């Protein structure tokens, strides 16, 4: 398994969103959901229209089997309001073109994200990039590692910082200014 990075540059996020929106609204919403919720891809793909009608997600995490309530950001609520208009409650939000009502799979989600990353020239991108991008930007905005640790369900703040790439940022900065 490759180690993936968060998308640190807000401009790159903007370009990926624009690219995905031009390609396919479902793919755009997949990206927007991931970077605005911090949910794992395994918890995003099973979401249905009914789940997007509330201002929060009530889920049982597939990886940990823990129940979790995640409030949606106002931006995500607005995006979902447009996206689900006219869709029936039982339909998957990220519906596959195959079968009557099946969600896309992890591998399809990965392909969508890799293609968008390739378009903007980013490496080290995968489905987990969405969760890491959420964590990275929440931490940058709040500086609150304890809060982020709780949101991401991590047991150690040092792991959380490493997970979102803050350690990598510090190492990169040190090397850029290093002189001998």
N, C-alpha and C. Protein backbone atom coordinates (compact mmCIF):
# COMPACT_ATOMS: atom_id res chain seq x y z
N UNK A 1 0.84 -1.18 0.00
CA UNK A 1 0.00 0.00 0.00
C UNK A 1 0.89 1.24 0.00
N UNK A 2 0.54 2.22 -0.81
CA UNK A 2 1.30 3.46 -0.88
C UNK A 2 0.90 4.40 0.25
N UNK A 3 1.86 5.20 0.69
CA UNK A 3 1.59 6.22 1.69
C UNK A 3 1.08 7.45 0.96
N UNK A 4 -0.11 7.91 1.29
CA UNK A 4 -0.69 9.06 0.61
C UNK A 4 -0.58 10.31 1.46
N UNK A 5 -0.61 11.43 0.83
CA UNK A 5 -0.46 12.73 1.48
C UNK A 5 -1.79 13.50 1.44
N UNK A 6 -1.95 14.47 2.35
CA UNK A 6 -3.08 15.39 2.21
C UNK A 6 -2.79 16.36 1.07
N UNK A 7 -3.81 16.99 0.57
CA UNK A 7 -3.63 18.07 -0.40
C UNK A 7 -3.50 19.34 0.43
N UNK A 8 -2.29 19.87 0.49
CA UNK A 8 -2.00 21.00 1.37
C UNK A 8 -2.38 22.34 0.76
N UNK A 9 -2.27 22.47 -0.54
CA UNK A 9 -2.45 23.73 -1.23
C UNK A 9 -3.93 23.97 -1.58
N UNK A 10 -4.56 24.99 -0.99
CA UNK A 10 -5.96 25.27 -1.30
C UNK A 10 -6.21 25.51 -2.79
N UNK A 11 -5.23 26.03 -3.48
CA UNK A 11 -5.39 26.25 -4.92
C UNK A 11 -5.53 24.92 -5.66
N UNK A 12 -4.77 23.92 -5.24
CA UNK A 12 -4.88 22.58 -5.85
C UNK A 12 -6.27 22.00 -5.59
N UNK A 13 -6.79 22.21 -4.40
CA UNK A 13 -8.14 21.74 -4.07
C UNK A 13 -9.15 22.41 -5.01
N UNK A 14 -8.99 23.71 -5.20
CA UNK A 14 -9.87 24.45 -6.11
C UNK A 14 -9.83 23.86 -7.52
N UNK A 15 -8.63 23.60 -8.03
CA UNK A 15 -8.50 23.06 -9.39
C UNK A 15 -9.07 21.65 -9.51
N UNK A 16 -8.88 20.84 -8.48
CA UNK A 16 -9.45 19.48 -8.51
C UNK A 16 -10.97 19.56 -8.49
N UNK A 17 -11.51 20.43 -7.64
CA UNK A 17 -12.97 20.58 -7.59
C UNK A 17 -13.52 21.03 -8.93
N UNK A 18 -12.86 21.98 -9.53
CA UNK A 18 -13.31 22.48 -10.84
C UNK A 18 -13.25 21.38 -11.89
N UNK A 19 -12.14 20.64 -11.92
CA UNK A 19 -11.97 19.55 -12.87
C UNK A 19 -13.07 18.49 -12.70
N UNK A 20 -13.28 18.07 -11.45
CA UNK A 20 -14.27 17.03 -11.19
C UNK A 20 -15.69 17.49 -11.51
N UNK A 21 -15.99 18.74 -11.21
CA UNK A 21 -17.33 19.27 -11.50
C UNK A 21 -17.60 19.27 -13.01
N UNK A 22 -16.57 19.59 -13.78
CA UNK A 22 -16.72 19.59 -15.24
C UNK A 22 -16.89 18.16 -15.77
N UNK A 23 -16.27 17.19 -15.11
CA UNK A 23 -16.32 15.80 -15.56
C UNK A 23 -17.64 15.12 -15.19
N UNK A 24 -18.01 15.24 -13.89
CA UNK A 24 -19.11 14.44 -13.39
C UNK A 24 -19.49 14.94 -12.00
N UNK A 25 -20.74 15.29 -11.80
CA UNK A 25 -21.17 15.84 -10.52
C UNK A 25 -21.03 14.84 -9.38
N UNK A 26 -21.26 13.55 -9.65
CA UNK A 26 -21.09 12.52 -8.62
C UNK A 26 -19.66 12.51 -8.10
N UNK A 27 -18.69 12.57 -9.03
CA UNK A 27 -17.28 12.52 -8.65
C UNK A 27 -16.89 13.77 -7.87
N UNK A 28 -17.42 14.91 -8.28
CA UNK A 28 -17.19 16.16 -7.56
C UNK A 28 -17.71 16.04 -6.12
N UNK A 29 -18.92 15.52 -5.97
CA UNK A 29 -19.53 15.40 -4.65
C UNK A 29 -18.78 14.39 -3.77
N UNK A 30 -18.24 13.35 -4.37
CA UNK A 30 -17.43 12.39 -3.63
C UNK A 30 -16.23 13.11 -3.01
N UNK A 31 -15.54 13.90 -3.81
CA UNK A 31 -14.38 14.65 -3.36
C UNK A 31 -14.77 15.65 -2.27
N UNK A 32 -15.81 16.43 -2.52
CA UNK A 32 -16.26 17.46 -1.57
C UNK A 32 -16.70 16.82 -0.25
N UNK A 33 -17.37 15.68 -0.32
CA UNK A 33 -17.80 14.99 0.90
C UNK A 33 -16.59 14.56 1.71
N UNK A 34 -15.61 13.98 1.05
CA UNK A 34 -14.42 13.51 1.76
C UNK A 34 -13.63 14.61 2.43
N UNK A 35 -13.40 15.70 1.72
CA UNK A 35 -12.56 16.76 2.30
C UNK A 35 -13.31 17.63 3.30
N UNK A 36 -14.64 17.50 3.35
CA UNK A 36 -15.43 18.29 4.30
C UNK A 36 -15.96 17.48 5.48
N UNK A 37 -15.74 16.18 5.49
CA UNK A 37 -16.30 15.36 6.57
C UNK A 37 -15.24 14.62 7.37
N UNK A 38 -14.12 14.28 6.75
CA UNK A 38 -13.11 13.48 7.43
C UNK A 38 -13.48 12.01 7.53
N UNK A 39 -14.53 11.61 6.84
CA UNK A 39 -14.93 10.20 6.85
C UNK A 39 -14.01 9.38 5.95
N UNK A 40 -13.85 8.11 6.30
CA UNK A 40 -13.11 7.18 5.45
C UNK A 40 -13.95 6.88 4.21
N UNK A 41 -13.29 6.51 3.13
CA UNK A 41 -14.00 6.19 1.89
C UNK A 41 -14.99 5.04 2.12
N UNK A 42 -14.64 4.10 2.99
CA UNK A 42 -15.53 2.97 3.29
C UNK A 42 -16.80 3.42 4.01
N UNK A 43 -16.78 4.59 4.62
CA UNK A 43 -17.97 5.13 5.28
C UNK A 43 -18.73 6.11 4.39
N UNK A 44 -18.07 6.61 3.37
CA UNK A 44 -18.71 7.55 2.43
C UNK A 44 -19.52 6.81 1.37
N UNK A 45 -18.94 5.78 0.80
CA UNK A 45 -19.58 5.10 -0.33
C UNK A 45 -20.97 4.53 -0.02
N UNK A 46 -21.23 4.01 1.18
CA UNK A 46 -22.58 3.48 1.45
C UNK A 46 -23.66 4.53 1.75
N UNK A 47 -23.30 5.80 1.77
CA UNK A 47 -24.28 6.85 2.09
C UNK A 47 -25.37 6.91 1.02
N UNK A 48 -26.58 7.18 1.49
CA UNK A 48 -27.73 7.29 0.58
C UNK A 48 -28.29 8.70 0.65
N UNK A 49 -29.20 9.00 -0.26
CA UNK A 49 -29.81 10.33 -0.33
C UNK A 49 -30.42 10.72 1.00
N UNK A 50 -31.08 9.80 1.66
CA UNK A 50 -31.71 10.09 2.96
C UNK A 50 -30.69 10.61 3.96
N UNK A 51 -29.44 10.10 3.88
CA UNK A 51 -28.38 10.52 4.80
C UNK A 51 -27.96 11.96 4.58
N UNK A 52 -28.14 12.46 3.38
CA UNK A 52 -27.71 13.83 3.03
C UNK A 52 -28.81 14.86 3.28
N UNK A 53 -29.97 14.41 3.71
CA UNK A 53 -31.08 15.35 3.96
C UNK A 53 -31.00 15.98 5.34
N UNK A 54 -30.19 15.40 6.22
CA UNK A 54 -30.00 15.95 7.56
C UNK A 54 -28.78 16.87 7.54
N UNK A 55 -28.55 17.55 8.63
CA UNK A 55 -27.37 18.43 8.72
C UNK A 55 -26.17 17.69 9.32
N UNK A 56 -26.30 16.39 9.45
CA UNK A 56 -25.24 15.57 10.04
C UNK A 56 -25.32 14.16 9.47
N UNK A 57 -24.22 13.42 9.64
CA UNK A 57 -24.21 12.00 9.28
C UNK A 57 -24.20 11.20 10.58
N UNK A 58 -25.07 10.23 10.70
CA UNK A 58 -25.05 9.25 11.78
C UNK A 58 -24.56 7.96 11.17
N UNK A 59 -23.36 7.55 11.51
CA UNK A 59 -22.81 6.34 10.90
C UNK A 59 -22.23 5.41 11.96
N UNK A 60 -22.06 4.18 11.57
CA UNK A 60 -21.25 3.25 12.34
C UNK A 60 -20.03 3.00 11.46
N UNK A 61 -18.87 3.44 11.95
CA UNK A 61 -17.66 3.31 11.15
C UNK A 61 -17.39 1.85 10.82
N UNK A 62 -17.13 1.59 9.57
CA UNK A 62 -16.87 0.22 9.13
C UNK A 62 -15.58 -0.31 9.76
N UNK A 63 -14.54 0.51 9.80
CA UNK A 63 -13.25 0.04 10.32
C UNK A 63 -13.29 -0.25 11.82
N UNK A 64 -13.91 0.64 12.60
CA UNK A 64 -13.86 0.52 14.06
C UNK A 64 -15.15 -0.01 14.67
N UNK A 65 -16.22 -0.03 13.89
CA UNK A 65 -17.55 -0.43 14.35
C UNK A 65 -18.08 0.51 15.45
N UNK A 66 -17.54 1.73 15.51
CA UNK A 66 -17.99 2.72 16.48
C UNK A 66 -19.05 3.62 15.84
N UNK A 67 -20.05 3.96 16.65
CA UNK A 67 -21.07 4.89 16.18
C UNK A 67 -20.50 6.30 16.24
N UNK A 68 -20.87 7.11 15.25
CA UNK A 68 -20.31 8.44 15.16
C UNK A 68 -21.33 9.39 14.53
N UNK A 69 -21.40 10.59 15.06
CA UNK A 69 -22.22 11.64 14.47
C UNK A 69 -21.28 12.73 14.00
N UNK A 70 -21.37 13.06 12.72
CA UNK A 70 -20.52 14.10 12.13
C UNK A 70 -21.43 15.19 11.58
N UNK A 71 -21.33 16.38 12.14
CA UNK A 71 -22.08 17.50 11.57
C UNK A 71 -21.48 17.87 10.22
N UNK A 72 -22.35 18.18 9.29
CA UNK A 72 -21.88 18.63 7.97
C UNK A 72 -21.48 20.09 8.04
N UNK A 73 -20.47 20.45 7.28
CA UNK A 73 -20.12 21.86 7.16
C UNK A 73 -21.24 22.55 6.39
N UNK A 74 -21.42 23.85 6.60
CA UNK A 74 -22.45 24.56 5.83
C UNK A 74 -22.25 24.42 4.32
N UNK A 75 -21.00 24.44 3.87
CA UNK A 75 -20.72 24.28 2.44
C UNK A 75 -21.21 22.93 1.94
N UNK A 76 -20.93 21.88 2.70
CA UNK A 76 -21.35 20.54 2.29
C UNK A 76 -22.88 20.43 2.27
N UNK A 77 -23.54 21.03 3.25
CA UNK A 77 -25.00 21.03 3.26
C UNK A 77 -25.57 21.69 2.00
N UNK A 78 -25.00 22.83 1.62
CA UNK A 78 -25.47 23.53 0.40
C UNK A 78 -25.25 22.68 -0.84
N UNK A 79 -24.08 22.05 -0.93
CA UNK A 79 -23.76 21.23 -2.08
C UNK A 79 -24.72 20.03 -2.17
N UNK A 80 -24.99 19.40 -1.03
CA UNK A 80 -25.89 18.26 -1.03
C UNK A 80 -27.31 18.66 -1.39
N UNK A 81 -27.74 19.81 -0.93
CA UNK A 81 -29.11 20.26 -1.22
C UNK A 81 -29.34 20.29 -2.73
N UNK A 82 -28.36 20.82 -3.47
CA UNK A 82 -28.46 20.85 -4.94
C UNK A 82 -28.34 19.45 -5.53
N UNK A 83 -27.39 18.68 -5.02
CA UNK A 83 -27.06 17.38 -5.59
C UNK A 83 -28.21 16.36 -5.46
N UNK A 84 -28.92 16.38 -4.33
CA UNK A 84 -29.94 15.36 -4.10
C UNK A 84 -31.33 15.76 -4.60
N UNK A 85 -31.44 16.97 -5.09
CA UNK A 85 -32.74 17.44 -5.56
C UNK A 85 -33.31 16.48 -6.60
N UNK A 86 -34.53 16.01 -6.34
CA UNK A 86 -35.20 15.11 -7.28
C UNK A 86 -34.80 13.65 -7.17
N UNK A 87 -33.87 13.32 -6.25
CA UNK A 87 -33.42 11.93 -6.09
C UNK A 87 -34.23 11.27 -4.97
N UNK A 88 -34.48 9.98 -5.13
CA UNK A 88 -35.23 9.23 -4.13
C UNK A 88 -34.34 8.88 -2.94
N UNK A 89 -34.95 8.81 -1.75
CA UNK A 89 -34.23 8.61 -0.50
C UNK A 89 -33.36 7.35 -0.47
N UNK A 90 -33.78 6.28 -1.11
CA UNK A 90 -33.07 4.99 -1.01
C UNK A 90 -31.88 4.88 -1.98
N UNK A 91 -31.69 5.87 -2.83
CA UNK A 91 -30.63 5.83 -3.84
C UNK A 91 -29.29 6.17 -3.19
N UNK A 92 -28.25 5.44 -3.60
CA UNK A 92 -26.90 5.74 -3.11
C UNK A 92 -26.45 7.10 -3.64
N UNK A 93 -25.77 7.86 -2.80
CA UNK A 93 -25.27 9.17 -3.22
C UNK A 93 -24.23 9.05 -4.33
N UNK A 94 -23.42 8.01 -4.25
CA UNK A 94 -22.33 7.83 -5.21
C UNK A 94 -22.59 6.54 -5.99
N UNK A 95 -23.66 6.60 -6.73
CA UNK A 95 -24.22 5.45 -7.44
C UNK A 95 -23.35 5.04 -8.62
N UNK A 96 -23.18 3.74 -8.73
CA UNK A 96 -22.46 3.17 -9.87
C UNK A 96 -23.37 3.16 -11.09
N UNK A 97 -22.76 3.16 -12.24
CA UNK A 97 -23.55 3.03 -13.47
C UNK A 97 -23.97 1.58 -13.69
N UNK A 98 -23.33 0.67 -12.96
CA UNK A 98 -23.64 -0.75 -13.09
C UNK A 98 -24.68 -1.15 -12.05
N UNK A 99 -25.60 -2.00 -12.42
CA UNK A 99 -26.64 -2.45 -11.50
C UNK A 99 -27.71 -1.39 -11.32
N UNK A 100 -28.75 -1.76 -10.63
CA UNK A 100 -29.87 -0.84 -10.43
C UNK A 100 -29.56 0.26 -9.42
N UNK A 101 -29.07 -0.13 -8.26
CA UNK A 101 -28.77 0.86 -7.22
C UNK A 101 -27.62 0.34 -6.37
N UNK A 102 -26.43 0.48 -6.89
CA UNK A 102 -25.22 0.07 -6.18
C UNK A 102 -24.28 1.26 -6.10
N UNK A 103 -23.55 1.37 -4.98
CA UNK A 103 -22.56 2.45 -4.91
C UNK A 103 -21.32 2.08 -5.72
N UNK A 104 -20.55 3.09 -6.09
CA UNK A 104 -19.27 2.79 -6.73
C UNK A 104 -18.39 2.08 -5.70
N UNK A 105 -17.40 1.38 -6.17
CA UNK A 105 -16.49 0.67 -5.27
C UNK A 105 -15.27 1.51 -4.92
N UNK A 106 -14.50 1.02 -3.99
CA UNK A 106 -13.27 1.70 -3.56
C UNK A 106 -12.31 1.90 -4.73
N UNK A 107 -12.21 0.88 -5.59
CA UNK A 107 -11.26 0.98 -6.71
C UNK A 107 -11.71 2.05 -7.70
N UNK A 108 -13.01 2.20 -7.90
CA UNK A 108 -13.50 3.25 -8.79
C UNK A 108 -13.25 4.63 -8.16
N UNK A 109 -13.48 4.74 -6.86
CA UNK A 109 -13.21 6.00 -6.15
C UNK A 109 -11.73 6.36 -6.29
N UNK A 110 -10.87 5.37 -6.15
CA UNK A 110 -9.43 5.57 -6.30
C UNK A 110 -9.09 6.07 -7.70
N UNK A 111 -9.67 5.45 -8.71
CA UNK A 111 -9.41 5.85 -10.10
C UNK A 111 -9.85 7.29 -10.35
N UNK A 112 -10.99 7.66 -9.80
CA UNK A 112 -11.51 9.03 -9.94
C UNK A 112 -10.51 10.03 -9.36
N UNK A 113 -10.04 9.75 -8.16
CA UNK A 113 -9.12 10.66 -7.47
C UNK A 113 -7.75 10.70 -8.14
N UNK A 114 -7.27 9.55 -8.58
CA UNK A 114 -5.96 9.50 -9.27
C UNK A 114 -6.00 10.30 -10.57
N UNK A 115 -7.09 10.20 -11.30
CA UNK A 115 -7.21 10.93 -12.56
C UNK A 115 -7.23 12.44 -12.30
N UNK A 116 -7.94 12.87 -11.27
CA UNK A 116 -7.98 14.29 -10.91
C UNK A 116 -6.61 14.77 -10.44
N UNK A 117 -5.93 13.95 -9.65
CA UNK A 117 -4.60 14.30 -9.16
C UNK A 117 -3.61 14.41 -10.32
N UNK A 118 -3.71 13.49 -11.24
CA UNK A 118 -2.84 13.51 -12.43
C UNK A 118 -3.08 14.80 -13.23
N UNK A 119 -4.32 15.20 -13.33
CA UNK A 119 -4.70 16.40 -14.07
C UNK A 119 -4.01 17.65 -13.49
N UNK A 120 -3.92 17.72 -12.15
CA UNK A 120 -3.30 18.89 -11.52
C UNK A 120 -1.83 18.66 -11.17
N UNK A 121 -1.31 17.48 -11.48
CA UNK A 121 0.11 17.21 -11.26
C UNK A 121 0.49 16.83 -9.85
N UNK A 122 -0.40 16.18 -9.11
CA UNK A 122 -0.10 15.74 -7.75
C UNK A 122 0.23 14.25 -7.71
N UNK A 123 1.16 13.90 -6.83
CA UNK A 123 1.51 12.50 -6.58
C UNK A 123 1.02 12.11 -5.19
N UNK A 124 1.21 10.87 -4.83
CA UNK A 124 0.89 10.37 -3.49
C UNK A 124 -0.56 10.63 -3.09
N UNK A 125 -1.46 10.42 -4.05
CA UNK A 125 -2.88 10.67 -3.80
C UNK A 125 -3.64 9.34 -3.88
N UNK A 126 -4.55 9.15 -2.95
CA UNK A 126 -5.41 7.98 -2.94
C UNK A 126 -6.71 8.33 -2.25
N UNK A 127 -7.53 7.34 -1.98
CA UNK A 127 -8.82 7.62 -1.35
C UNK A 127 -8.64 8.19 0.06
N UNK A 128 -7.59 7.78 0.75
CA UNK A 128 -7.37 8.29 2.11
C UNK A 128 -6.90 9.74 2.12
N UNK A 129 -6.50 10.24 0.96
CA UNK A 129 -6.11 11.65 0.84
C UNK A 129 -7.25 12.57 1.27
N UNK A 130 -8.48 12.17 1.00
CA UNK A 130 -9.63 13.02 1.35
C UNK A 130 -9.67 13.24 2.86
N UNK A 131 -9.57 12.17 3.62
CA UNK A 131 -9.60 12.25 5.08
C UNK A 131 -8.40 13.03 5.62
N UNK A 132 -7.24 12.79 5.05
CA UNK A 132 -6.04 13.49 5.48
C UNK A 132 -6.10 14.98 5.14
N UNK A 133 -6.68 15.30 4.00
CA UNK A 133 -6.83 16.71 3.60
C UNK A 133 -7.76 17.43 4.58
N UNK A 134 -8.86 16.79 4.93
CA UNK A 134 -9.76 17.34 5.95
C UNK A 134 -8.99 17.61 7.24
N UNK A 135 -8.27 16.61 7.72
CA UNK A 135 -7.52 16.75 8.97
C UNK A 135 -6.47 17.83 8.92
N UNK A 136 -5.74 17.87 7.83
CA UNK A 136 -4.67 18.85 7.67
C UNK A 136 -5.23 20.28 7.76
N UNK A 137 -6.29 20.54 7.01
CA UNK A 137 -6.82 21.91 6.96
C UNK A 137 -7.58 22.28 8.24
N UNK A 138 -8.23 21.30 8.87
CA UNK A 138 -8.88 21.59 10.16
C UNK A 138 -7.81 21.96 11.19
N UNK A 139 -6.72 21.21 11.20
CA UNK A 139 -5.64 21.51 12.14
C UNK A 139 -5.02 22.88 11.85
N UNK A 140 -4.79 23.18 10.58
CA UNK A 140 -4.20 24.48 10.21
C UNK A 140 -5.12 25.64 10.62
N UNK A 141 -6.43 25.42 10.54
CA UNK A 141 -7.38 26.48 10.89
C UNK A 141 -7.57 26.62 12.40
N UNK A 142 -7.51 25.50 13.14
CA UNK A 142 -7.80 25.56 14.57
C UNK A 142 -6.56 25.42 15.45
N UNK A 143 -5.54 24.71 14.97
CA UNK A 143 -4.37 24.43 15.78
C UNK A 143 -4.66 23.47 16.93
N UNK A 144 -5.83 22.86 16.93
CA UNK A 144 -6.27 22.03 18.04
C UNK A 144 -6.10 20.55 17.70
N UNK A 145 -4.96 19.99 18.08
CA UNK A 145 -4.67 18.59 17.76
C UNK A 145 -5.57 17.65 18.57
N UNK A 146 -5.93 18.02 19.79
CA UNK A 146 -6.78 17.17 20.62
C UNK A 146 -8.17 17.01 19.98
N UNK A 147 -8.70 18.10 19.48
CA UNK A 147 -10.00 18.05 18.80
C UNK A 147 -9.92 17.17 17.56
N UNK A 148 -8.91 17.39 16.75
CA UNK A 148 -8.74 16.61 15.53
C UNK A 148 -8.55 15.12 15.85
N UNK A 149 -7.78 14.84 16.87
CA UNK A 149 -7.54 13.47 17.31
C UNK A 149 -8.88 12.80 17.64
N UNK A 150 -9.74 13.52 18.32
CA UNK A 150 -11.06 12.98 18.69
C UNK A 150 -11.93 12.78 17.45
N UNK A 151 -11.94 13.73 16.54
CA UNK A 151 -12.73 13.62 15.32
C UNK A 151 -12.29 12.43 14.48
N UNK A 152 -10.99 12.25 14.36
CA UNK A 152 -10.46 11.16 13.53
C UNK A 152 -10.39 9.82 14.27
N UNK A 153 -10.75 9.84 15.56
CA UNK A 153 -10.74 8.62 16.36
C UNK A 153 -9.33 8.05 16.53
N UNK A 154 -8.35 8.91 16.73
CA UNK A 154 -6.98 8.46 16.97
C UNK A 154 -6.72 8.42 18.47
N UNK A 155 -5.76 7.58 18.89
CA UNK A 155 -5.48 7.46 20.32
C UNK A 155 -4.30 8.30 20.78
N UNK A 156 -3.54 8.87 19.83
CA UNK A 156 -2.33 9.59 20.19
C UNK A 156 -2.19 10.86 19.35
N UNK A 157 -1.98 12.02 20.00
CA UNK A 157 -1.84 13.26 19.23
C UNK A 157 -0.63 13.26 18.30
N UNK A 158 0.45 12.60 18.72
CA UNK A 158 1.64 12.54 17.86
C UNK A 158 1.31 11.77 16.58
N UNK A 159 0.53 10.69 16.70
CA UNK A 159 0.11 9.94 15.52
C UNK A 159 -0.75 10.82 14.61
N UNK A 160 -1.65 11.58 15.20
CA UNK A 160 -2.54 12.45 14.41
C UNK A 160 -1.72 13.45 13.60
N UNK A 161 -0.73 14.07 14.21
CA UNK A 161 0.12 15.04 13.49
C UNK A 161 0.91 14.37 12.37
N UNK A 162 1.42 13.21 12.64
CA UNK A 162 2.14 12.45 11.60
C UNK A 162 1.19 12.05 10.47
N UNK A 163 0.00 11.61 10.85
CA UNK A 163 -1.03 11.16 9.91
C UNK A 163 -1.41 12.26 8.91
N UNK A 164 -1.56 13.49 9.39
CA UNK A 164 -1.98 14.58 8.50
C UNK A 164 -0.81 15.30 7.83
N UNK A 165 0.41 14.83 8.09
CA UNK A 165 1.56 15.36 7.37
C UNK A 165 2.21 16.58 7.99
N UNK A 166 1.86 16.91 9.23
CA UNK A 166 2.48 18.08 9.88
C UNK A 166 3.95 17.80 10.16
N UNK A 167 4.27 16.57 10.57
CA UNK A 167 5.68 16.20 10.77
C UNK A 167 6.47 16.37 9.47
N UNK A 168 5.87 15.94 8.37
CA UNK A 168 6.52 16.06 7.05
C UNK A 168 6.77 17.53 6.72
N UNK A 169 5.80 18.39 7.00
CA UNK A 169 5.97 19.83 6.76
C UNK A 169 7.15 20.38 7.55
N UNK A 170 7.25 19.98 8.82
CA UNK A 170 8.34 20.47 9.68
C UNK A 170 9.70 19.99 9.15
N UNK A 171 9.75 18.73 8.72
CA UNK A 171 11.01 18.21 8.17
C UNK A 171 11.39 18.94 6.88
N UNK A 172 10.41 19.16 6.02
CA UNK A 172 10.68 19.87 4.76
C UNK A 172 11.19 21.29 5.03
N UNK A 173 10.58 21.97 5.98
CA UNK A 173 10.99 23.34 6.32
C UNK A 173 12.42 23.34 6.86
N UNK A 174 12.72 22.40 7.73
CA UNK A 174 14.07 22.32 8.31
C UNK A 174 15.11 22.08 7.21
N UNK A 175 14.80 21.21 6.28
CA UNK A 175 15.76 20.91 5.21
C UNK A 175 15.93 22.08 4.24
N UNK A 176 14.86 22.84 4.03
CA UNK A 176 14.98 24.01 3.13
C UNK A 176 15.88 25.10 3.72
N UNK A 177 15.90 25.18 5.03
CA UNK A 177 16.71 26.24 5.64
C UNK A 177 18.05 25.74 6.17
N UNK A 178 18.31 24.46 6.06
CA UNK A 178 19.54 23.87 6.57
C UNK A 178 20.75 24.32 5.75
N UNK A 179 21.79 24.68 6.45
CA UNK A 179 23.06 25.08 5.82
C UNK A 179 24.20 24.39 6.57
N UNK A 180 25.22 23.98 5.84
CA UNK A 180 26.38 23.38 6.51
C UNK A 180 27.67 23.93 5.90
